[in-house]
Amino acid sequence: MKKININIILILLVVLLMVSPFFFNKTGEYGGSDGEAEAEITKIDPSYEPWFEPLYEPKSGEIESLLFTLQGCIGTGIIAYVIGVSRGKRKAENDVNH
């Protein structure tokens, strides 16, 4: 019996997590939490005014989604790099000690 590569299983699970919302939310309405939070706060306190305005307001929701995804990808890349460097250092130390 062939050993199943754990990386393939993890990739398939990630793909499943990415695709599953499209099956659960048939309307395709995905809103951000910022707008929802402001609406709920306004219900509680109608005189509420936001503390500041966004520095940059994208022209469309697609651009906003792109920038949000890009931000997440950059953060993920930084975290993966730090983990890779720390594992590499640990492996090098183990090779020197043995």
Protein backbone atom coordinates (compact mmCIF):
# COMPACT_ATOMS: atom_id res chain seq x y z
CA MET A 1 0.00 0.00 0.00
CA LYS A 2 1.37 3.42 -0.95
CA LYS A 3 1.83 6.01 1.74
CA ILE A 4 -0.42 9.02 1.12
CA ASN A 5 1.50 12.27 1.21
CA ILE A 6 0.25 14.47 4.06
CA ASN A 7 0.80 17.61 1.94
CA ILE A 8 -1.69 16.39 -0.66
CA ILE A 9 -4.28 15.78 2.05
CA LEU A 10 -3.70 19.26 3.51
CA ILE A 11 -4.01 20.90 0.08
CA LEU A 12 -7.27 19.08 -0.56
CA LEU A 13 -8.62 20.19 2.83
CA VAL A 14 -7.71 23.82 2.09
CA VAL A 15 -9.44 23.63 -1.29
CA LEU A 16 -12.50 22.12 0.41
CA LEU A 17 -12.54 24.96 2.95
CA MET A 18 -12.29 27.54 0.18
CA VAL A 19 -15.08 26.06 -1.95
CA SER A 20 -17.54 25.05 0.77
CA PRO A 21 -18.95 28.57 1.44
CA PHE A 22 -20.25 28.68 -2.13
CA PHE A 23 -22.41 25.65 -1.42
CA PHE A 24 -23.69 26.86 1.96
CA ASN A 25 -24.45 30.47 0.96
CA LYS A 26 -26.45 30.23 -2.25
CA THR A 27 -27.13 33.99 -2.49
CA GLY A 28 -23.46 34.88 -2.78
CA GLU A 29 -23.80 37.81 -0.40
CA TYR A 30 -20.59 38.10 1.58
CA GLY A 31 -20.29 41.28 3.58
CA GLY A 32 -17.49 42.58 5.72
CA SER A 33 -17.62 42.78 9.48
CA ASP A 34 -16.84 46.51 9.56
CA GLY A 35 -20.17 47.50 8.02
CA GLU A 36 -22.08 45.06 10.19
CA ALA A 37 -20.41 46.36 13.35
CA GLU A 38 -21.21 49.97 12.51
CA ALA A 39 -24.85 49.08 11.83
CA GLU A 40 -25.19 47.28 15.18
CA ILE A 41 -23.51 50.14 17.08
CA THR A 42 -25.85 52.63 15.39
CA LYS A 43 -28.83 50.55 16.57
CA ILE A 44 -27.57 50.78 20.16
CA ASP A 45 -26.46 54.42 20.01
CA PRO A 46 -28.03 56.40 17.11
CA SER A 47 -25.73 59.37 17.78
CA TYR A 48 -22.61 57.26 17.13
CA GLU A 49 -20.10 58.71 14.69
CA PRO A 50 -17.03 56.78 13.50
CA TRP A 51 -13.72 57.97 14.94
CA PHE A 52 -11.99 58.23 11.59
CA GLU A 53 -12.51 57.73 7.87
CA PRO A 54 -10.58 55.25 5.70
CA LEU A 55 -7.33 56.56 4.22
CA TYR A 56 -8.18 55.01 0.86
CA GLU A 57 -11.61 54.02 -0.41
CA PRO A 58 -11.43 51.64 -3.41
CA LYS A 59 -13.68 52.41 -6.37
CA SER A 60 -15.35 48.98 -6.32
CA GLY A 61 -15.89 45.98 -4.10
CA GLU A 62 -13.72 43.84 -6.37
CA ILE A 63 -10.70 46.08 -5.82
CA GLU A 64 -11.37 46.09 -2.10
CA SER A 65 -11.50 42.28 -2.11
CA LEU A 66 -8.29 42.13 -4.13
CA LEU A 67 -6.46 44.40 -1.69
CA PHE A 68 -7.78 42.45 1.30
CA THR A 69 -6.62 39.17 -0.27
CA LEU A 70 -3.25 40.67 -1.16
CA GLN A 71 -2.82 41.82 2.44
CA GLY A 72 -3.60 38.31 3.68
CA CYS A 73 -1.17 36.75 1.20
CA ILE A 74 1.64 39.07 2.24
CA GLY A 75 1.01 38.27 5.91
CA THR A 76 0.94 34.55 5.18
CA GLY A 77 4.19 34.84 3.24
CA ILE A 78 5.89 36.61 6.14
CA ILE A 79 4.69 34.01 8.64
CA ALA A 80 5.78 31.14 6.37
CA TYR A 81 9.20 32.76 5.90
CA VAL A 82 9.73 33.16 9.65
CA ILE A 83 8.70 29.55 10.28
CA GLY A 84 10.99 28.33 7.48
CA VAL A 85 13.97 30.29 8.78
CA SER A 86 13.46 29.06 12.34
CA ARG A 87 13.14 25.43 11.18
CA GLY A 88 16.25 25.84 9.03
CA LYS A 89 18.24 27.21 11.96
CA ARG A 90 17.04 24.38 14.19
CA LYS A 91 17.96 21.79 11.55
CA ALA A 92 21.41 23.33 11.08
CA GLU A 93 22.01 23.27 14.84
CA ASN A 94 20.95 19.61 15.00
CA ASP A 95 23.28 18.72 12.11
CA VAL A 96 26.23 20.43 13.86
CA ASN A 97 25.53 18.68 17.18
CA HIS A 98 25.31 15.21 15.63
